[in-house]
């Protein structure tokens, strides 16, 4: 599963790279041609959609135990302390669906179609693929069909669509990112399932606001994030508590500080690194403060 999700993230990077060559908020270099219907969009992007479908199916059978039970619904809850991960899994669904939609949007636009049209049909196909996941999760003894997961998926896809639909309002000003440091309990690199090592962050980039583009505030990003710790049984040797934290933060805009001024010197490698920072938060460059904390004993 982790390799599949990393593939989606890398695909999203390619969209950011493509867009980084344009003026902020501009679709000028893209075609105005639109996909006529979902059949045409599917036919012209069959390789990408088929690849995602095949990867999902492989993981469903091999990792998610599809077919191991009769169909069932599973009400997993949202952000409660009595849930499996305090809501981190729901943000994981939101982020993964967002990344998938970003990937398909880029691929569809890159074939000579308008970003708005690409974003629309990317949303359709991303949602259909994630619905496919949920339906067959219903036949898994380990999972079950989760309405909460479906809502989280829809939200992530919707954010991706709106960023492309309204580039000057959201596309230039909003990023969804993850920050990951392996937790002690997982003992390895598991960025999808290691919720105790993950932070989910929404970032407002002040350089995307027209009035601030020529001011020192363009170097600043504002953060709103969420993290959970101690919900997994592997965390028990290291903590006896489940905790959640909602935080706000301020960070450095690396586009303005490094990537734009040194674009020529950094070359193509710099473009790839720049794109990565739009989806993965660089650690150590943020100041944060918790605005809400919860703590509950995990020892029965």
Protein backbone atom coordinates (compact mmCIF):
# COMPACT_ATOMS: atom_id res chain seq x y z
CA UNK A 1 0.00 0.00 0.00
CA UNK A 2 2.76 2.46 0.79
CA UNK A 3 4.31 2.11 -2.67
CA UNK A 4 0.92 2.72 -4.30
CA UNK A 5 0.38 5.87 -2.29
CA UNK A 6 3.89 7.11 -3.02
CA UNK A 7 3.16 6.58 -6.72
CA UNK A 8 0.12 8.80 -6.42
CA UNK A 9 2.15 11.47 -4.65
CA UNK A 10 4.87 11.35 -7.29
CA UNK A 11 2.20 11.69 -9.97
CA UNK A 12 0.89 14.74 -8.17
CA UNK A 13 4.40 16.18 -8.18
CA UNK A 14 4.37 16.03 -11.97
CA UNK A 15 1.21 18.19 -12.02
CA UNK A 16 2.86 20.73 -9.77
CA UNK A 17 5.97 20.74 -11.95
CA UNK A 18 3.90 21.32 -15.06
CA UNK A 19 2.03 24.15 -13.41
CA UNK A 20 5.18 25.71 -11.95
CA UNK A 21 6.28 26.79 -15.43
CA UNK A 22 3.15 28.95 -15.77
CA UNK A 23 2.37 32.32 -14.29
CA UNK A 24 0.49 31.91 -10.99
CA UNK A 25 -3.21 31.51 -11.62
CA UNK A 26 -2.77 31.41 -15.39
CA UNK A 27 -3.95 28.68 -17.72
CA UNK A 28 -2.73 30.57 -20.77
CA UNK A 29 -0.42 27.88 -22.14
CA UNK A 30 -3.06 25.16 -21.87
CA UNK A 31 -5.51 24.34 -24.62
CA UNK A 32 -9.11 25.50 -24.34
CA UNK A 33 -10.29 22.19 -25.78
CA UNK A 34 -12.62 20.25 -23.50
CA UNK A 35 -13.40 16.58 -23.09
CA UNK A 36 -16.84 15.92 -24.57
CA UNK A 37 -17.88 13.24 -22.07
CA UNK A 38 -16.56 10.73 -19.57
CA UNK A 39 -16.16 8.06 -22.26
CA UNK A 40 -13.76 10.22 -24.23
CA UNK A 41 -11.81 11.14 -21.11
CA UNK A 42 -11.57 7.46 -20.17
CA UNK A 43 -10.51 6.39 -23.66
CA UNK A 44 -7.72 8.96 -23.91
CA UNK A 45 -6.47 8.25 -20.38
CA UNK A 46 -7.06 4.49 -20.26
CA UNK A 47 -3.47 3.72 -19.31
CA UNK A 48 -3.45 5.93 -16.22
CA UNK A 49 -6.95 4.93 -15.11
CA UNK A 50 -6.30 1.26 -15.87
CA UNK A 51 -3.03 1.37 -13.99
CA UNK A 52 -4.73 2.82 -10.92
CA UNK A 53 -7.53 0.25 -11.19
CA UNK A 54 -5.03 -2.61 -11.47
CA UNK A 55 -2.96 -1.35 -8.55
CA UNK A 56 -6.03 -0.95 -6.35
CA UNK A 57 -7.29 -4.42 -7.26
CA UNK A 58 -3.92 -6.02 -6.51
CA UNK A 59 -3.74 -4.34 -3.12
CA UNK A 60 -7.35 -5.16 -2.34
CA UNK A 61 -6.81 -8.87 -2.87
CA UNK A 62 -3.31 -9.09 -1.39
CA UNK A 63 -3.35 -6.55 1.45
CA UNK A 64 -6.97 -5.66 2.24
CA UNK A 65 -8.49 -9.16 2.33
CA UNK A 66 -11.15 -8.53 -0.29
CA UNK A 67 -13.46 -11.51 -0.59
CA UNK A 68 -12.84 -12.76 2.94
CA UNK A 69 -16.36 -11.98 4.25
CA UNK A 70 -19.95 -11.27 3.31
CA UNK A 71 -20.69 -7.63 2.51
CA UNK A 72 -20.97 -5.46 5.59
CA UNK A 73 -21.07 -1.83 6.58
CA UNK A 74 -18.60 -0.50 9.13
CA UNK A 75 -19.33 2.75 10.95
CA UNK A 76 -15.82 3.83 11.91
CA UNK A 77 -16.64 7.20 13.39
CA UNK A 78 -14.73 10.39 12.77
CA UNK A 79 -12.33 12.00 15.24
CA UNK A 80 -13.47 10.40 18.47
CA UNK A 81 -11.02 9.07 21.04
CA UNK A 82 -12.79 5.72 20.80
CA UNK A 83 -12.00 5.35 17.07
CA UNK A 84 -9.15 3.36 15.60
CA UNK A 85 -6.84 6.31 14.96
CA UNK A 86 -8.54 9.42 16.28
CA UNK A 87 -9.47 10.47 12.75
CA UNK A 88 -5.99 10.27 11.24
CA UNK A 89 -7.13 7.52 8.88
CA UNK A 90 -9.89 9.79 7.58
CA UNK A 91 -7.36 12.53 6.82
CA UNK A 92 -5.24 9.85 5.15
CA UNK A 93 -8.17 8.99 2.87
CA UNK A 94 -8.72 12.67 2.14
CA UNK A 95 -5.05 13.24 1.27
CA UNK A 96 -4.69 10.08 -0.86
CA UNK A 97 -7.83 10.92 -2.84
CA UNK A 98 -6.57 14.48 -3.29
CA UNK A 99 -3.25 13.13 -4.61
CA UNK A 100 -4.99 10.74 -7.00
CA UNK A 101 -7.15 13.53 -8.38
CA UNK A 102 -4.14 15.81 -8.80
CA UNK A 103 -2.34 13.08 -10.72
CA UNK A 104 -5.23 12.42 -13.10
CA UNK A 105 -5.87 16.13 -13.59
CA UNK A 106 -2.30 16.61 -14.76
CA UNK A 107 -2.38 13.61 -17.05
CA UNK A 108 -5.67 14.64 -18.62
CA UNK A 109 -4.61 18.27 -19.13
CA UNK A 110 -1.25 17.21 -20.50
CA UNK A 111 -2.99 15.56 -23.46
CA UNK A 112 -4.06 18.95 -24.78
CA UNK A 113 -7.23 19.69 -22.82
CA UNK A 114 -8.19 22.58 -20.59
CA UNK A 115 -7.37 22.29 -16.88
CA UNK A 116 -11.02 22.85 -15.96
CA UNK A 117 -12.18 19.99 -18.15
CA UNK A 118 -9.34 17.77 -16.93
CA UNK A 119 -10.18 18.53 -13.31
CA UNK A 120 -13.85 17.69 -13.83
CA UNK A 121 -13.26 14.26 -15.37
CA UNK A 122 -10.38 13.57 -13.01
CA UNK A 123 -12.84 14.10 -10.17
CA UNK A 124 -15.33 11.69 -11.77
CA UNK A 125 -12.80 8.92 -12.27
CA UNK A 126 -11.04 9.44 -8.94
CA UNK A 127 -14.34 9.24 -7.12
CA UNK A 128 -15.34 6.11 -9.05
CA UNK A 129 -12.02 4.44 -8.22
CA UNK A 130 -12.34 5.26 -4.53
CA UNK A 131 -15.96 4.05 -4.55
CA UNK A 132 -14.64 0.80 -6.02
CA UNK A 133 -12.28 0.56 -3.04
CA UNK A 134 -15.06 1.11 -0.53
CA UNK A 135 -17.49 -1.33 -2.14
CA UNK A 136 -14.98 -4.17 -2.09
CA UNK A 137 -13.78 -3.18 1.37
CA UNK A 138 -17.33 -4.17 2.25
CA UNK A 139 -16.34 -7.75 1.40
CA UNK A 140 -13.30 -7.66 3.68
CA UNK A 141 -13.29 -9.16 7.14
CA UNK A 142 -10.80 -6.45 8.20
CA UNK A 143 -12.64 -3.41 6.88
CA UNK A 144 -16.24 -3.09 5.68
CA UNK A 145 -17.91 -0.34 3.68
CA UNK A 146 -17.29 2.95 5.49
CA UNK A 147 -19.48 5.95 4.75
CA UNK A 148 -16.98 8.11 6.61
CA UNK A 149 -14.19 7.01 4.28
CA UNK A 150 -16.35 7.81 1.26
CA UNK A 151 -17.04 11.32 2.55
CA UNK A 152 -13.33 11.88 3.24
CA UNK A 153 -12.47 10.67 -0.28
CA UNK A 154 -15.04 13.02 -1.79
CA UNK A 155 -13.67 15.95 0.19
CA UNK A 156 -10.10 15.37 -0.98
CA UNK A 157 -11.18 15.06 -4.61
CA UNK A 158 -13.34 18.16 -4.27
CA UNK A 159 -10.43 20.22 -2.96
CA UNK A 160 -8.28 19.19 -5.91
CA UNK A 161 -11.06 20.10 -8.33
CA UNK A 162 -11.69 23.49 -6.76
CA UNK A 163 -7.98 24.36 -6.77
CA UNK A 164 -7.91 23.89 -10.54
CA UNK A 165 -11.32 25.45 -11.13
CA UNK A 166 -10.37 28.58 -9.18
CA UNK A 167 -6.59 28.88 -9.58
CA UNK A 168 -6.18 32.45 -8.34
CA UNK A 169 -8.40 31.90 -5.29
CA UNK A 170 -7.34 28.41 -4.20
CA UNK A 171 -4.75 27.03 -6.61
CA UNK A 172 -2.10 29.60 -5.72
CA UNK A 173 -2.96 29.92 -2.05
CA UNK A 174 -3.70 26.41 -0.72
CA UNK A 175 -1.64 23.24 -0.34
CA UNK A 176 -2.47 19.98 1.42
CA UNK A 177 0.66 18.37 2.81
CA UNK A 178 1.85 15.59 5.04
CA UNK A 179 4.83 15.56 7.37
CA UNK A 180 6.13 12.19 8.44
CA UNK A 181 8.62 10.96 11.02
CA UNK A 182 8.55 7.18 11.70
CA UNK A 183 7.17 6.41 15.13
CA UNK A 184 9.00 4.12 17.51
CA UNK A 185 6.16 1.63 17.57
CA UNK A 186 6.14 0.89 13.83
CA UNK A 187 9.92 0.35 13.65
CA UNK A 188 10.35 1.27 10.02
CA UNK A 189 9.17 3.53 7.20
CA UNK A 190 5.38 3.16 6.93
CA UNK A 191 4.01 6.56 5.82
CA UNK A 192 0.51 5.27 5.07
CA UNK A 193 -0.33 3.22 8.15
CA UNK A 194 1.95 4.83 10.75
CA UNK A 195 -0.52 7.40 12.01
CA UNK A 196 1.56 8.06 15.13
CA UNK A 197 4.28 9.46 12.90
CA UNK A 198 2.08 11.54 10.61
CA UNK A 199 0.96 15.17 10.58
CA UNK A 200 -1.73 16.34 8.15
CA UNK A 201 -1.42 20.03 7.28
CA UNK A 202 -3.43 22.58 5.31
CA UNK A 203 -1.18 25.44 4.21
CA UNK A 204 -2.16 28.98 3.23
CA UNK A 205 0.55 30.51 1.03
CA UNK A 206 0.58 34.29 1.36
CA UNK A 207 2.45 34.74 -1.93
CA UNK A 208 -0.74 33.62 -3.67
CA UNK A 209 -2.59 36.76 -2.56
CA UNK A 210 -2.22 39.57 -5.09
CA UNK A 211 -1.76 42.33 -2.52
CA UNK A 212 1.03 40.43 -0.73
CA UNK A 213 3.08 39.22 -3.71
CA UNK A 214 5.49 42.15 -3.57
CA UNK A 215 5.70 42.36 0.22
CA UNK A 216 7.90 40.47 2.72
CA UNK A 217 4.82 38.48 3.69
CA UNK A 218 5.22 36.46 0.49
CA UNK A 219 7.88 34.46 2.33
CA UNK A 220 5.33 33.30 4.92
CA UNK A 221 2.99 30.31 5.02
CA UNK A 222 0.26 29.72 7.59
CA UNK A 223 -0.55 26.20 8.76
CA UNK A 224 -3.48 24.36 10.30
CA UNK A 225 -2.66 20.78 11.21
CA UNK A 226 -3.73 17.67 13.07
CA UNK A 227 -1.89 14.70 14.52
CA UNK A 228 -2.68 11.66 16.65
CA UNK A 229 -0.42 9.50 18.77
CA UNK A 230 -0.76 6.26 20.70
CA UNK A 231 -3.85 4.74 19.06
CA UNK A 232 -2.04 1.72 17.60
CA UNK A 233 -1.21 -1.34 19.69
CA UNK A 234 2.40 -1.02 18.51
CA UNK A 235 2.60 2.25 20.46
CA UNK A 236 1.95 0.58 23.81
CA UNK A 237 5.58 -0.06 24.83
CA UNK A 238 6.26 3.66 24.40
CA UNK A 239 3.12 5.32 25.72
CA UNK A 240 0.04 4.41 27.72
CA UNK A 241 -2.05 7.26 26.33
CA UNK A 242 -3.94 8.15 23.21
CA UNK A 243 -3.44 11.79 22.29
CA UNK A 244 -4.60 14.17 19.56
CA UNK A 245 -3.42 17.67 18.78
CA UNK A 246 -4.78 20.39 16.54
CA UNK A 247 -2.17 23.05 15.87
CA UNK A 248 -1.52 26.26 14.01
CA UNK A 249 1.83 27.27 12.65
CA UNK A 250 3.91 29.61 10.59
CA UNK A 251 6.48 28.44 8.09
CA UNK A 252 8.83 29.60 5.35
CA UNK A 253 7.71 29.63 1.73
CA UNK A 254 10.56 27.78 0.03
CA UNK A 255 9.31 28.77 -3.43
CA UNK A 256 10.01 32.42 -2.67
CA UNK A 257 13.14 31.87 -0.59
CA UNK A 258 14.97 29.33 -2.77
CA UNK A 259 13.26 27.87 -5.82
CA UNK A 260 12.23 31.03 -7.67
CA UNK A 261 15.41 33.08 -7.08
CA UNK A 262 17.69 30.14 -7.93
CA UNK A 263 15.59 28.46 -10.59
CA UNK A 264 18.32 28.38 -13.24
CA UNK A 265 21.01 27.21 -10.85
CA UNK A 266 18.87 24.39 -9.44
CA UNK A 267 17.76 23.14 -12.86
CA UNK A 268 15.39 20.20 -13.32
CA UNK A 269 16.34 18.64 -9.99
CA UNK A 270 15.26 21.83 -8.31
CA UNK A 271 11.89 21.63 -10.10
CA UNK A 272 11.30 18.14 -8.71
CA UNK A 273 12.28 19.16 -5.19
CA UNK A 274 10.09 22.24 -5.43
CA UNK A 275 7.13 20.13 -6.48
CA UNK A 276 7.70 17.73 -3.61
CA UNK A 277 7.50 20.58 -1.10
CA UNK A 278 3.97 21.33 -2.31
CA UNK A 279 2.84 17.92 -1.05
CA UNK A 280 5.29 17.03 1.69
CA UNK A 281 6.07 19.52 4.43
CA UNK A 282 9.80 20.02 5.00
CA UNK A 283 10.42 19.45 8.73
CA UNK A 284 12.30 21.90 10.90
CA UNK A 285 11.20 25.14 9.22
CA UNK A 286 7.93 25.71 11.09
CA UNK A 287 6.93 27.23 14.43
CA UNK A 288 3.75 25.68 15.82
CA UNK A 289 1.42 26.02 18.74
CA UNK A 290 -1.31 23.62 19.86
CA UNK A 291 -4.81 25.08 19.97
CA UNK A 292 -6.58 21.91 21.14
CA UNK A 293 -5.31 18.75 22.82
CA UNK A 294 -6.96 15.54 24.00
CA UNK A 295 -5.54 12.74 26.11
CA UNK A 296 -7.04 9.40 27.13
CA UNK A 297 -5.56 6.41 28.86
CA UNK A 298 -5.12 3.46 26.50
CA UNK A 299 -4.58 0.99 29.33
CA UNK A 300 -7.64 -1.06 30.17
